[in-house]
C-alpha cells in the first residue's frame, strides 16, 4: 500500500519559472541587456541557477565567472522568492485528495533549504507538508537517492510504500534507486527531454491524474 507521496518542487509542485526568470533578467538589466523570454527559460528551470545562467549568459560551471554570477543570481532570487510563483493548476485538489485518504506528502528538491522552506511557506502549504528536503539536507542531490530516503525516514514510511513525482529524468532515477514507485509529469519543465522515455511507473498530464494512479 502507498503511504506517502513525495514531490519535486520546481516544475512539479509549483510553477517557479516566473520568479527565477525575474532574477535572471534583473542581472541582465544591470548589464544593459534585454530581458530573456520566459519561453526560453522555462524548459531549464528545474536545473536552477545552472540552467538559468546558461540561457541568460551562456555560462557553464567551468567558466571562471560562473561562481560569482551564480551567487548574484541566488541573491536576486532570494529577494523575490514568490512574487509570481504558484502551485500548478490542480495541485491543491491533489493535496486535498491525498489528505482525504490519510496519505502523507512532502517535498524533495535540489533547491537549497534556505529557498525551498520559505517558498513552501509563501505558497501557503507549509503547515500541511510533512517534510521539505532540500538539496543541502543530506549533502548530496538527486539523482542520488539519499534525499528521498531521508524523507522516508522523517515520515516513518518504507521507501516501497512511497511514490515520487517529478518533471526531470533524475527524479525518476532517484526514485527508482530509493526503491520507490515513480511518476513523471508531462506538464513540467522536462529539461528538453521526453518523460515517456524515463522509465517511470506512470506518466501523467495533470496533478489530478496522480490520484487516479494511486
N, C-alpha and C. Protein backbone atom coordinates (compact mmCIF):
# COMPACT_ATOMS: atom_id res chain seq x y z
N UNK A 1 0.83 -1.20 0.00
CA UNK A 1 0.00 0.00 0.00
C UNK A 1 0.86 1.25 0.00
N UNK A 2 0.39 2.27 -0.69
CA UNK A 2 1.08 3.55 -0.69
C UNK A 2 0.70 4.33 0.58
N UNK A 3 1.72 4.84 1.26
CA UNK A 3 1.50 5.61 2.48
C UNK A 3 1.92 7.06 2.35
N UNK A 4 2.73 7.38 1.33
CA UNK A 4 3.21 8.76 1.19
C UNK A 4 3.49 9.07 -0.27
N UNK A 5 3.30 10.34 -0.60
CA UNK A 5 3.63 10.85 -1.94
C UNK A 5 4.59 12.01 -1.75
N UNK A 6 5.72 11.94 -2.43
CA UNK A 6 6.74 12.98 -2.38
C UNK A 6 6.82 13.68 -3.73
N UNK A 7 7.01 14.99 -3.69
CA UNK A 7 7.02 15.79 -4.91
C UNK A 7 8.36 16.52 -5.08
N UNK A 8 8.85 16.56 -6.31
CA UNK A 8 9.84 17.55 -6.67
C UNK A 8 9.15 18.92 -6.56
N UNK A 9 9.92 19.98 -6.41
CA UNK A 9 9.32 21.30 -6.20
C UNK A 9 9.15 22.08 -7.51
N UNK A 10 10.26 22.51 -8.11
CA UNK A 10 10.21 23.34 -9.32
C UNK A 10 9.76 22.50 -10.52
N UNK A 11 8.64 22.87 -11.12
CA UNK A 11 8.19 22.20 -12.32
C UNK A 11 7.30 21.00 -12.07
N UNK A 12 7.12 20.62 -10.82
CA UNK A 12 6.25 19.50 -10.48
C UNK A 12 5.16 19.97 -9.52
N UNK A 13 5.59 20.54 -8.42
CA UNK A 13 4.66 21.02 -7.39
C UNK A 13 4.22 22.45 -7.68
N UNK A 14 5.18 23.29 -8.04
CA UNK A 14 4.89 24.70 -8.26
C UNK A 14 5.56 25.21 -9.53
N UNK A 15 4.90 26.18 -10.16
CA UNK A 15 5.47 26.86 -11.33
C UNK A 15 6.30 28.03 -10.81
N UNK A 16 7.59 27.82 -10.69
CA UNK A 16 8.51 28.83 -10.14
C UNK A 16 9.28 29.56 -11.23
N UNK A 17 9.04 29.22 -12.48
CA UNK A 17 9.78 29.82 -13.59
C UNK A 17 9.69 31.35 -13.62
N UNK A 18 8.53 31.95 -13.34
CA UNK A 18 8.46 33.41 -13.42
C UNK A 18 9.44 34.13 -12.49
N UNK A 19 9.58 33.65 -11.26
CA UNK A 19 10.46 34.35 -10.32
C UNK A 19 11.93 34.05 -10.56
N UNK A 20 12.24 32.84 -11.02
CA UNK A 20 13.63 32.55 -11.39
C UNK A 20 14.03 33.37 -12.62
N UNK A 21 13.11 33.52 -13.54
CA UNK A 21 13.37 34.35 -14.72
C UNK A 21 13.51 35.81 -14.34
N UNK A 22 12.71 36.23 -13.36
CA UNK A 22 12.81 37.62 -12.86
C UNK A 22 14.22 37.89 -12.34
N UNK A 23 14.79 36.95 -11.58
CA UNK A 23 16.14 37.12 -11.04
C UNK A 23 17.17 37.21 -12.16
N UNK A 24 17.01 36.35 -13.15
CA UNK A 24 17.94 36.37 -14.29
C UNK A 24 17.86 37.69 -15.03
N UNK A 25 16.66 38.16 -15.27
CA UNK A 25 16.51 39.40 -16.04
C UNK A 25 16.94 40.62 -15.25
N UNK A 26 16.89 40.57 -13.93
CA UNK A 26 17.43 41.67 -13.13
C UNK A 26 18.94 41.77 -13.34
N UNK A 27 19.59 40.63 -13.43
CA UNK A 27 21.03 40.62 -13.71
C UNK A 27 21.32 41.13 -15.12
N UNK A 28 20.51 40.74 -16.06
CA UNK A 28 20.72 41.21 -17.44
C UNK A 28 20.47 42.71 -17.55
N UNK A 29 19.44 43.21 -16.87
CA UNK A 29 19.14 44.64 -16.92
C UNK A 29 20.28 45.45 -16.34
N UNK A 30 20.91 44.93 -15.27
CA UNK A 30 22.03 45.64 -14.65
C UNK A 30 23.23 45.73 -15.59
N UNK A 31 23.24 44.89 -16.60
CA UNK A 31 24.33 44.88 -17.58
C UNK A 31 23.91 45.47 -18.91
N UNK A 32 22.74 46.10 -18.94
CA UNK A 32 22.27 46.74 -20.15
C UNK A 32 21.79 45.77 -21.21
N UNK A 33 21.38 44.57 -20.80
CA UNK A 33 20.93 43.56 -21.73
C UNK A 33 19.42 43.43 -21.70
N UNK A 34 18.86 43.05 -22.82
CA UNK A 34 17.41 42.88 -22.91
C UNK A 34 16.96 41.67 -22.11
N UNK A 35 15.70 41.70 -21.72
CA UNK A 35 15.16 40.59 -20.95
C UNK A 35 15.08 39.32 -21.79
N UNK A 36 15.24 38.19 -21.13
CA UNK A 36 15.07 36.89 -21.75
C UNK A 36 13.62 36.47 -21.58
N UNK A 37 13.02 35.91 -22.61
CA UNK A 37 11.62 35.48 -22.54
C UNK A 37 11.48 34.24 -21.68
N UNK A 38 10.39 34.16 -20.95
CA UNK A 38 10.17 33.01 -20.08
C UNK A 38 10.04 31.72 -20.89
N UNK A 39 9.65 31.83 -22.15
CA UNK A 39 9.57 30.65 -23.00
C UNK A 39 10.95 30.02 -23.19
N UNK A 40 12.00 30.85 -23.09
CA UNK A 40 13.37 30.34 -23.25
C UNK A 40 13.91 29.75 -21.95
N UNK A 41 13.46 30.27 -20.82
CA UNK A 41 13.97 29.80 -19.53
C UNK A 41 13.18 28.64 -18.96
N UNK A 42 11.89 28.58 -19.27
CA UNK A 42 11.02 27.58 -18.64
C UNK A 42 11.54 26.15 -18.79
N UNK A 43 12.01 25.73 -19.98
CA UNK A 43 12.44 24.33 -20.10
C UNK A 43 13.59 23.94 -19.17
N UNK A 44 14.43 24.91 -18.77
CA UNK A 44 15.59 24.57 -17.94
C UNK A 44 15.41 24.98 -16.48
N UNK A 45 14.21 25.41 -16.11
CA UNK A 45 14.00 25.93 -14.76
C UNK A 45 14.33 24.91 -13.69
N UNK A 46 14.06 23.62 -13.95
CA UNK A 46 14.32 22.60 -12.94
C UNK A 46 15.80 22.45 -12.63
N UNK A 47 16.66 22.95 -13.49
CA UNK A 47 18.11 22.84 -13.24
C UNK A 47 18.64 24.06 -12.48
N UNK A 48 17.75 24.98 -12.09
CA UNK A 48 18.15 26.08 -11.23
C UNK A 48 19.12 27.06 -11.85
N UNK A 49 20.04 27.55 -11.01
CA UNK A 49 20.99 28.57 -11.45
C UNK A 49 21.80 28.11 -12.64
N UNK A 50 22.17 26.85 -12.65
CA UNK A 50 22.99 26.33 -13.75
C UNK A 50 22.30 26.52 -15.10
N UNK A 51 21.04 26.13 -15.16
CA UNK A 51 20.31 26.27 -16.42
C UNK A 51 20.03 27.72 -16.75
N UNK A 52 19.68 28.51 -15.74
CA UNK A 52 19.36 29.91 -15.98
C UNK A 52 20.57 30.70 -16.50
N UNK A 53 21.72 30.48 -15.90
CA UNK A 53 22.91 31.21 -16.34
C UNK A 53 23.36 30.77 -17.72
N UNK A 54 23.08 29.53 -18.05
CA UNK A 54 23.43 29.07 -19.41
C UNK A 54 22.55 29.78 -20.44
N UNK A 55 21.25 29.88 -20.15
CA UNK A 55 20.35 30.54 -21.08
C UNK A 55 20.59 32.05 -21.12
N UNK A 56 20.79 32.64 -19.94
CA UNK A 56 20.89 34.10 -19.87
C UNK A 56 22.24 34.68 -20.25
N UNK A 57 23.31 33.91 -20.00
CA UNK A 57 24.65 34.45 -20.24
C UNK A 57 25.58 33.48 -20.96
N UNK A 58 25.09 32.30 -21.30
CA UNK A 58 25.94 31.33 -21.97
C UNK A 58 27.04 30.79 -21.08
N UNK A 59 26.83 30.84 -19.76
CA UNK A 59 27.86 30.40 -18.81
C UNK A 59 27.62 28.96 -18.38
N UNK A 60 28.69 28.20 -18.24
CA UNK A 60 28.66 26.86 -17.69
C UNK A 60 29.51 26.85 -16.42
N UNK A 61 29.36 25.85 -15.57
CA UNK A 61 30.13 25.82 -14.31
C UNK A 61 31.63 25.90 -14.49
N UNK A 62 32.14 25.57 -15.67
CA UNK A 62 33.58 25.62 -15.90
C UNK A 62 34.09 27.03 -16.15
N UNK A 63 33.20 27.95 -16.42
CA UNK A 63 33.61 29.32 -16.74
C UNK A 63 34.14 30.02 -15.49
N UNK A 64 35.24 30.78 -15.60
CA UNK A 64 35.81 31.43 -14.41
C UNK A 64 34.86 32.41 -13.71
N UNK A 65 33.89 32.95 -14.44
CA UNK A 65 32.96 33.90 -13.83
C UNK A 65 31.70 33.22 -13.27
N UNK A 66 31.59 31.92 -13.45
CA UNK A 66 30.34 31.23 -13.11
C UNK A 66 30.02 31.34 -11.63
N UNK A 67 30.97 31.07 -10.75
CA UNK A 67 30.70 31.04 -9.31
C UNK A 67 30.17 32.39 -8.82
N UNK A 68 30.79 33.48 -9.26
CA UNK A 68 30.34 34.80 -8.85
C UNK A 68 28.96 35.13 -9.40
N UNK A 69 28.72 34.78 -10.66
CA UNK A 69 27.42 35.04 -11.27
C UNK A 69 26.33 34.19 -10.60
N UNK A 70 26.67 32.98 -10.26
CA UNK A 70 25.70 32.12 -9.58
C UNK A 70 25.30 32.72 -8.24
N UNK A 71 26.27 33.25 -7.50
CA UNK A 71 25.97 33.87 -6.21
C UNK A 71 25.07 35.09 -6.40
N UNK A 72 25.34 35.89 -7.41
CA UNK A 72 24.50 37.06 -7.70
C UNK A 72 23.08 36.62 -8.04
N UNK A 73 22.98 35.59 -8.84
CA UNK A 73 21.66 35.09 -9.24
C UNK A 73 20.86 34.64 -8.01
N UNK A 74 21.50 33.88 -7.14
CA UNK A 74 20.80 33.37 -5.96
C UNK A 74 20.39 34.50 -5.02
N UNK A 75 21.22 35.53 -4.91
CA UNK A 75 20.86 36.67 -4.08
C UNK A 75 19.65 37.40 -4.66
N UNK A 76 19.64 37.57 -5.97
CA UNK A 76 18.49 38.20 -6.62
C UNK A 76 17.22 37.37 -6.39
N UNK A 77 17.35 36.07 -6.55
CA UNK A 77 16.20 35.19 -6.40
C UNK A 77 15.66 35.21 -4.98
N UNK A 78 16.54 35.20 -4.00
CA UNK A 78 16.12 35.16 -2.60
C UNK A 78 15.30 36.39 -2.22
N UNK A 79 15.55 37.50 -2.89
CA UNK A 79 14.82 38.74 -2.60
C UNK A 79 13.37 38.68 -3.07
N UNK A 80 13.10 37.82 -4.05
CA UNK A 80 11.74 37.73 -4.60
C UNK A 80 11.39 36.27 -4.88
N UNK A 81 11.30 35.48 -3.81
CA UNK A 81 11.09 34.05 -3.96
C UNK A 81 9.71 33.70 -4.53
N UNK A 82 8.72 34.48 -4.18
CA UNK A 82 7.35 34.08 -4.52
C UNK A 82 6.50 35.28 -4.88
N UNK A 83 6.89 35.96 -5.94
CA UNK A 83 6.08 37.06 -6.46
C UNK A 83 5.01 36.51 -7.39
N UNK A 84 5.44 35.71 -8.35
CA UNK A 84 4.52 35.14 -9.34
C UNK A 84 4.51 33.61 -9.33
N UNK A 85 5.27 32.99 -8.45
CA UNK A 85 5.26 31.53 -8.36
C UNK A 85 3.93 31.06 -7.77
N UNK A 86 3.40 29.98 -8.33
CA UNK A 86 2.11 29.45 -7.89
C UNK A 86 2.13 27.93 -7.95
N UNK A 87 1.25 27.29 -7.18
CA UNK A 87 1.04 25.86 -7.34
C UNK A 87 0.47 25.60 -8.72
N UNK A 88 0.87 24.51 -9.33
CA UNK A 88 0.30 24.17 -10.62
C UNK A 88 -1.21 23.93 -10.48
N UNK A 89 -1.94 24.25 -11.52
CA UNK A 89 -3.39 24.05 -11.52
C UNK A 89 -3.71 22.60 -11.19
N UNK A 90 -4.58 22.40 -10.23
CA UNK A 90 -4.97 21.07 -9.81
C UNK A 90 -4.17 20.53 -8.64
N UNK A 91 -3.09 21.20 -8.27
CA UNK A 91 -2.26 20.69 -7.18
C UNK A 91 -2.98 20.76 -5.83
N UNK A 92 -3.69 21.83 -5.57
CA UNK A 92 -4.42 21.91 -4.29
C UNK A 92 -5.46 20.81 -4.19
N UNK A 93 -6.12 20.52 -5.30
CA UNK A 93 -7.11 19.45 -5.29
C UNK A 93 -6.43 18.10 -5.06
N UNK A 94 -5.24 17.93 -5.63
CA UNK A 94 -4.49 16.70 -5.39
C UNK A 94 -4.13 16.57 -3.91
N UNK A 95 -3.66 17.64 -3.32
CA UNK A 95 -3.30 17.60 -1.90
C UNK A 95 -4.53 17.29 -1.04
N UNK A 96 -5.66 17.89 -1.39
CA UNK A 96 -6.90 17.59 -0.67
C UNK A 96 -7.23 16.10 -0.77
N UNK A 97 -7.03 15.55 -1.96
CA UNK A 97 -7.33 14.14 -2.17
C UNK A 97 -6.40 13.23 -1.38
N UNK A 98 -5.12 13.60 -1.34
CA UNK A 98 -4.17 12.80 -0.57
C UNK A 98 -4.52 12.83 0.91
N UNK A 99 -4.82 14.02 1.40
CA UNK A 99 -5.13 14.14 2.82
C UNK A 99 -6.44 13.44 3.16
N UNK A 100 -7.39 13.45 2.24
CA UNK A 100 -8.65 12.73 2.48
C UNK A 100 -8.40 11.24 2.60
N UNK A 101 -7.36 10.75 1.94
CA UNK A 101 -7.00 9.33 2.02
C UNK A 101 -6.01 9.05 3.15
N UNK A 102 -5.72 10.08 3.93
CA UNK A 102 -4.78 9.98 5.05
C UNK A 102 -3.37 9.59 4.58
N UNK A 103 -3.00 10.09 3.42
CA UNK A 103 -1.65 9.86 2.89
C UNK A 103 -0.77 11.05 3.24
N UNK A 104 0.43 10.78 3.71
CA UNK A 104 1.39 11.84 3.98
C UNK A 104 1.95 12.35 2.65
N UNK A 105 2.36 13.63 2.62
CA UNK A 105 3.02 14.14 1.44
C UNK A 105 4.11 15.12 1.84
N UNK A 106 5.13 15.21 1.00
CA UNK A 106 6.25 16.11 1.29
C UNK A 106 6.96 16.52 0.01
N UNK A 107 7.97 17.35 0.20
CA UNK A 107 8.75 17.90 -0.91
C UNK A 107 10.19 17.40 -0.82
N UNK A 108 10.73 16.95 -1.94
CA UNK A 108 12.16 16.62 -2.03
C UNK A 108 12.69 17.33 -3.27
N UNK A 109 13.56 18.30 -3.08
CA UNK A 109 14.03 19.16 -4.16
C UNK A 109 15.53 19.33 -4.10
N UNK A 110 16.13 19.67 -5.23
CA UNK A 110 17.55 20.02 -5.24
C UNK A 110 17.77 21.48 -4.86
N UNK A 111 16.69 22.24 -4.71
CA UNK A 111 16.80 23.63 -4.26
C UNK A 111 17.24 23.63 -2.79
N UNK A 112 18.17 24.48 -2.43
CA UNK A 112 18.67 24.53 -1.06
C UNK A 112 17.54 24.87 -0.08
N UNK A 113 17.68 24.39 1.15
CA UNK A 113 16.65 24.61 2.17
C UNK A 113 16.33 26.09 2.38
N UNK A 114 17.34 26.94 2.29
CA UNK A 114 17.12 28.37 2.57
C UNK A 114 16.15 29.01 1.59
N UNK A 115 15.97 28.39 0.43
CA UNK A 115 14.98 28.86 -0.54
C UNK A 115 13.73 27.98 -0.52
N UNK A 116 13.93 26.68 -0.41
CA UNK A 116 12.81 25.75 -0.52
C UNK A 116 11.82 25.90 0.64
N UNK A 117 12.31 25.96 1.86
CA UNK A 117 11.41 26.02 3.01
C UNK A 117 10.60 27.31 3.03
N UNK A 118 11.24 28.49 2.85
CA UNK A 118 10.42 29.71 2.79
C UNK A 118 9.44 29.72 1.62
N UNK A 119 9.86 29.16 0.49
CA UNK A 119 8.98 29.14 -0.68
C UNK A 119 7.73 28.32 -0.42
N UNK A 120 7.89 27.16 0.19
CA UNK A 120 6.73 26.33 0.52
C UNK A 120 5.80 27.09 1.47
N UNK A 121 6.39 27.84 2.39
CA UNK A 121 5.57 28.66 3.28
C UNK A 121 4.83 29.75 2.53
N UNK A 122 5.51 30.42 1.62
CA UNK A 122 4.89 31.50 0.85
C UNK A 122 3.81 30.98 -0.09
N UNK A 123 3.92 29.74 -0.49
CA UNK A 123 2.88 29.12 -1.31
C UNK A 123 1.66 28.73 -0.48
N UNK A 124 1.78 28.84 0.84
CA UNK A 124 0.64 28.64 1.72
C UNK A 124 0.35 27.20 2.10
N UNK A 125 1.35 26.32 1.97
CA UNK A 125 1.08 24.91 2.26
C UNK A 125 2.06 24.30 3.26
N UNK A 126 2.89 25.12 3.89
CA UNK A 126 3.91 24.56 4.78
C UNK A 126 3.30 23.79 5.94
N UNK A 127 2.20 24.27 6.48
CA UNK A 127 1.58 23.60 7.63
C UNK A 127 1.03 22.23 7.26
N UNK A 128 0.76 22.02 5.98
CA UNK A 128 0.21 20.75 5.52
C UNK A 128 1.29 19.76 5.11
N UNK A 129 2.49 20.27 4.89
CA UNK A 129 3.58 19.49 4.31
C UNK A 129 4.33 18.71 5.40
N UNK A 130 4.47 17.40 5.20
CA UNK A 130 5.10 16.57 6.23
C UNK A 130 6.61 16.75 6.31
N UNK A 131 7.25 17.15 5.22
CA UNK A 131 8.69 17.40 5.24
C UNK A 131 9.09 18.19 4.00
N UNK A 132 10.15 18.96 4.14
CA UNK A 132 10.78 19.62 2.99
C UNK A 132 12.26 19.25 3.03
N UNK A 133 12.70 18.46 2.09
CA UNK A 133 14.09 18.04 1.98
C UNK A 133 14.73 18.83 0.85
N UNK A 134 15.78 19.58 1.17
CA UNK A 134 16.45 20.39 0.17
C UNK A 134 17.69 19.72 -0.39
N UNK A 135 18.29 20.40 -1.35
CA UNK A 135 19.49 19.86 -1.98
C UNK A 135 20.68 19.81 -1.06
N UNK A 136 20.62 20.54 0.06
CA UNK A 136 21.73 20.54 1.02
C UNK A 136 21.38 19.81 2.32
N UNK A 137 20.22 19.17 2.37
CA UNK A 137 19.80 18.49 3.60
C UNK A 137 20.69 17.31 3.92
N UNK A 138 21.01 16.52 2.91
CA UNK A 138 21.81 15.31 3.12
C UNK A 138 23.25 15.45 2.62
N UNK A 139 23.57 16.56 1.97
CA UNK A 139 24.91 16.73 1.42
C UNK A 139 25.06 16.22 0.01
N UNK A 140 24.02 15.59 -0.53
CA UNK A 140 24.01 15.13 -1.92
C UNK A 140 22.67 15.50 -2.54
N UNK A 141 22.64 15.56 -3.87
CA UNK A 141 21.43 15.93 -4.57
C UNK A 141 20.98 14.80 -5.50
N UNK A 142 19.73 14.85 -5.92
CA UNK A 142 19.23 13.90 -6.92
C UNK A 142 20.08 14.01 -8.19
N UNK A 143 20.37 12.91 -8.84
CA UNK A 143 19.72 11.60 -8.77
C UNK A 143 20.18 10.68 -7.64
N UNK A 144 21.05 11.12 -6.75
CA UNK A 144 21.38 10.30 -5.58
C UNK A 144 20.08 10.08 -4.78
N UNK A 145 19.82 8.88 -4.35
CA UNK A 145 18.56 8.61 -3.64
C UNK A 145 18.53 9.08 -2.19
N UNK A 146 19.66 9.53 -1.65
CA UNK A 146 19.73 9.87 -0.22
C UNK A 146 18.66 10.88 0.22
N UNK A 147 18.38 11.94 -0.54
CA UNK A 147 17.34 12.88 -0.08
C UNK A 147 15.96 12.22 0.03
N UNK A 148 15.66 11.32 -0.88
CA UNK A 148 14.37 10.63 -0.82
C UNK A 148 14.31 9.66 0.36
N UNK A 149 15.41 9.01 0.63
CA UNK A 149 15.46 8.11 1.77
C UNK A 149 15.34 8.87 3.09
N UNK A 150 15.92 10.08 3.13
CA UNK A 150 15.79 10.92 4.32
C UNK A 150 14.34 11.34 4.52
N UNK A 151 13.65 11.64 3.44
CA UNK A 151 12.23 11.98 3.56
C UNK A 151 11.43 10.81 4.13
N UNK A 152 11.71 9.62 3.66
CA UNK A 152 11.02 8.44 4.18
C UNK A 152 11.32 8.23 5.66
N UNK A 153 12.56 8.48 6.04
CA UNK A 153 12.93 8.34 7.45
C UNK A 153 12.13 9.31 8.31
N UNK A 154 12.01 10.55 7.85
CA UNK A 154 11.28 11.55 8.63
C UNK A 154 9.79 11.26 8.68
N UNK A 155 9.27 10.66 7.61
CA UNK A 155 7.85 10.35 7.57
C UNK A 155 7.54 8.98 8.18
N UNK A 156 8.61 8.24 8.55
CA UNK A 156 8.45 6.89 9.09
C UNK A 156 7.68 6.00 8.12
N UNK A 157 8.12 6.05 6.87
CA UNK A 157 7.48 5.30 5.79
C UNK A 157 8.56 4.51 5.06
N UNK A 158 8.31 3.26 4.74
CA UNK A 158 9.26 2.47 3.95
C UNK A 158 9.30 3.01 2.52
N UNK A 159 10.47 3.06 1.89
CA UNK A 159 10.54 3.55 0.50
C UNK A 159 9.57 2.83 -0.44
N UNK A 160 9.37 1.54 -0.24
CA UNK A 160 8.48 0.79 -1.10
C UNK A 160 7.02 1.23 -0.96
N UNK A 161 6.72 1.97 0.11
CA UNK A 161 5.36 2.47 0.34
C UNK A 161 5.22 3.93 -0.06
N UNK A 162 6.20 4.45 -0.79
CA UNK A 162 6.19 5.86 -1.21
C UNK A 162 6.23 5.97 -2.73
N UNK A 163 5.70 7.08 -3.22
CA UNK A 163 5.74 7.42 -4.64
C UNK A 163 6.44 8.76 -4.77
N UNK A 164 7.33 8.87 -5.77
CA UNK A 164 7.98 10.15 -6.02
C UNK A 164 7.51 10.69 -7.36
N UNK A 165 7.11 11.96 -7.36
CA UNK A 165 6.57 12.61 -8.55
C UNK A 165 7.54 13.71 -8.99
N UNK A 166 7.95 13.68 -10.27
CA UNK A 166 8.92 14.66 -10.73
C UNK A 166 8.82 14.98 -12.21
N UNK A 167 9.51 16.05 -12.61
CA UNK A 167 9.46 16.50 -14.00
C UNK A 167 10.81 16.42 -14.69
N UNK A 168 11.73 15.64 -14.13
CA UNK A 168 13.07 15.51 -14.71
C UNK A 168 13.49 14.05 -14.63
N UNK A 169 14.29 13.62 -15.58
CA UNK A 169 14.74 12.23 -15.59
C UNK A 169 15.46 11.85 -14.30
N UNK A 170 16.19 12.81 -13.72
CA UNK A 170 16.92 12.49 -12.49
C UNK A 170 15.96 12.19 -11.34
N UNK A 171 14.73 12.73 -11.40
CA UNK A 171 13.74 12.43 -10.38
C UNK A 171 13.35 10.95 -10.43
N UNK A 172 13.15 10.47 -11.63
CA UNK A 172 12.80 9.05 -11.81
C UNK A 172 13.98 8.17 -11.40
N UNK A 173 15.19 8.58 -11.79
CA UNK A 173 16.38 7.80 -11.43
C UNK A 173 16.55 7.74 -9.92
N UNK A 174 16.35 8.87 -9.25
CA UNK A 174 16.48 8.90 -7.79
C UNK A 174 15.41 8.05 -7.12
N UNK A 175 14.18 8.16 -7.59
CA UNK A 175 13.11 7.38 -7.00
C UNK A 175 13.31 5.89 -7.17
N UNK A 176 13.74 5.49 -8.34
CA UNK A 176 13.98 4.07 -8.57
C UNK A 176 15.14 3.56 -7.71
N UNK A 177 16.19 4.37 -7.61
CA UNK A 177 17.33 3.97 -6.79
C UNK A 177 16.95 3.86 -5.32
N UNK A 178 15.96 4.64 -4.89
CA UNK A 178 15.50 4.59 -3.50
C UNK A 178 14.52 3.45 -3.25
N UNK A 179 14.09 2.79 -4.30
CA UNK A 179 13.13 1.70 -4.14
C UNK A 179 11.69 2.15 -4.11
N UNK A 180 11.42 3.34 -4.67
CA UNK A 180 10.06 3.88 -4.70
C UNK A 180 9.43 3.67 -6.07
N UNK A 181 8.12 3.80 -6.12
CA UNK A 181 7.45 3.95 -7.40
C UNK A 181 7.58 5.40 -7.85
N UNK A 182 7.57 5.63 -9.14
CA UNK A 182 7.81 6.97 -9.67
C UNK A 182 6.74 7.38 -10.66
N UNK A 183 6.45 8.68 -10.66
CA UNK A 183 5.51 9.26 -11.61
C UNK A 183 6.18 10.45 -12.27
N UNK A 184 6.21 10.48 -13.58
CA UNK A 184 6.72 11.63 -14.33
C UNK A 184 5.55 12.48 -14.79
N UNK A 185 5.75 13.81 -14.80
CA UNK A 185 4.66 14.72 -15.18
C UNK A 185 4.96 15.38 -16.52
N UNK A 186 4.03 15.31 -17.43
CA UNK A 186 4.21 15.94 -18.74
C UNK A 186 4.04 17.45 -18.68
N UNK A 187 3.37 17.96 -17.64
CA UNK A 187 3.11 19.40 -17.55
C UNK A 187 4.31 20.19 -17.03
N UNK A 188 5.38 19.51 -16.62
CA UNK A 188 6.52 20.19 -16.00
C UNK A 188 7.49 20.79 -17.00
N UNK A 189 8.68 21.11 -16.51
CA UNK A 189 9.67 21.80 -17.34
C UNK A 189 10.42 20.85 -18.26
N UNK A 190 10.68 19.62 -17.80
CA UNK A 190 11.17 18.50 -18.60
C UNK A 190 12.61 18.60 -19.08
N UNK A 191 13.22 19.79 -19.03
CA UNK A 191 14.64 19.95 -19.39
C UNK A 191 14.92 19.41 -20.78
N UNK A 192 14.00 19.64 -21.71
CA UNK A 192 14.20 19.25 -23.09
C UNK A 192 14.12 17.76 -23.34
N UNK A 193 13.62 16.99 -22.40
CA UNK A 193 13.57 15.54 -22.53
C UNK A 193 12.12 15.07 -22.61
N UNK A 194 11.94 13.82 -22.97
CA UNK A 194 10.60 13.25 -23.13
C UNK A 194 10.32 12.29 -21.98
N UNK A 195 9.36 12.62 -21.11
CA UNK A 195 9.13 11.82 -19.90
C UNK A 195 8.74 10.38 -20.16
N UNK A 196 8.17 10.10 -21.32
CA UNK A 196 7.80 8.72 -21.60
C UNK A 196 9.01 7.81 -21.78
N UNK A 197 10.20 8.39 -21.90
CA UNK A 197 11.42 7.59 -22.09
C UNK A 197 12.19 7.39 -20.79
N UNK A 198 11.70 7.90 -19.66
CA UNK A 198 12.47 7.89 -18.42
C UNK A 198 12.33 6.59 -17.63
N UNK A 199 11.38 5.76 -17.97
CA UNK A 199 11.20 4.52 -17.23
C UNK A 199 10.39 4.66 -15.96
N UNK A 200 9.57 5.71 -15.87
CA UNK A 200 8.71 5.90 -14.69
C UNK A 200 7.60 4.86 -14.69
N UNK A 201 7.05 4.62 -13.51
CA UNK A 201 5.93 3.69 -13.40
C UNK A 201 4.67 4.25 -14.04
N UNK A 202 4.57 5.57 -14.10
CA UNK A 202 3.42 6.20 -14.75
C UNK A 202 3.85 7.59 -15.23
N UNK A 203 3.16 8.07 -16.25
CA UNK A 203 3.36 9.43 -16.75
C UNK A 203 1.99 10.09 -16.77
N UNK A 204 1.89 11.29 -16.17
CA UNK A 204 0.57 11.94 -16.04
C UNK A 204 0.59 13.30 -16.72
N UNK A 205 -0.62 13.75 -17.09
CA UNK A 205 -0.77 15.03 -17.78
C UNK A 205 -1.11 16.17 -16.84
N UNK A 206 -1.62 15.85 -15.66
CA UNK A 206 -2.03 16.89 -14.71
C UNK A 206 -1.97 16.31 -13.30
N UNK A 207 -1.90 17.17 -12.27
CA UNK A 207 -1.81 16.68 -10.91
C UNK A 207 -2.91 15.71 -10.51
N UNK A 208 -4.15 15.96 -10.96
CA UNK A 208 -5.24 15.08 -10.54
C UNK A 208 -5.04 13.65 -11.01
N UNK A 209 -4.26 13.46 -12.09
CA UNK A 209 -4.00 12.10 -12.58
C UNK A 209 -3.20 11.27 -11.59
N UNK A 210 -2.50 11.93 -10.68
CA UNK A 210 -1.76 11.19 -9.65
C UNK A 210 -2.74 10.41 -8.78
N UNK A 211 -3.87 11.01 -8.45
CA UNK A 211 -4.87 10.30 -7.64
C UNK A 211 -5.41 9.09 -8.38
N UNK A 212 -5.60 9.24 -9.68
CA UNK A 212 -6.09 8.11 -10.48
C UNK A 212 -5.08 6.97 -10.45
N UNK A 213 -3.79 7.31 -10.50
CA UNK A 213 -2.74 6.27 -10.44
C UNK A 213 -2.78 5.58 -9.08
N UNK A 214 -2.91 6.35 -8.02
CA UNK A 214 -2.92 5.76 -6.68
C UNK A 214 -4.12 4.84 -6.50
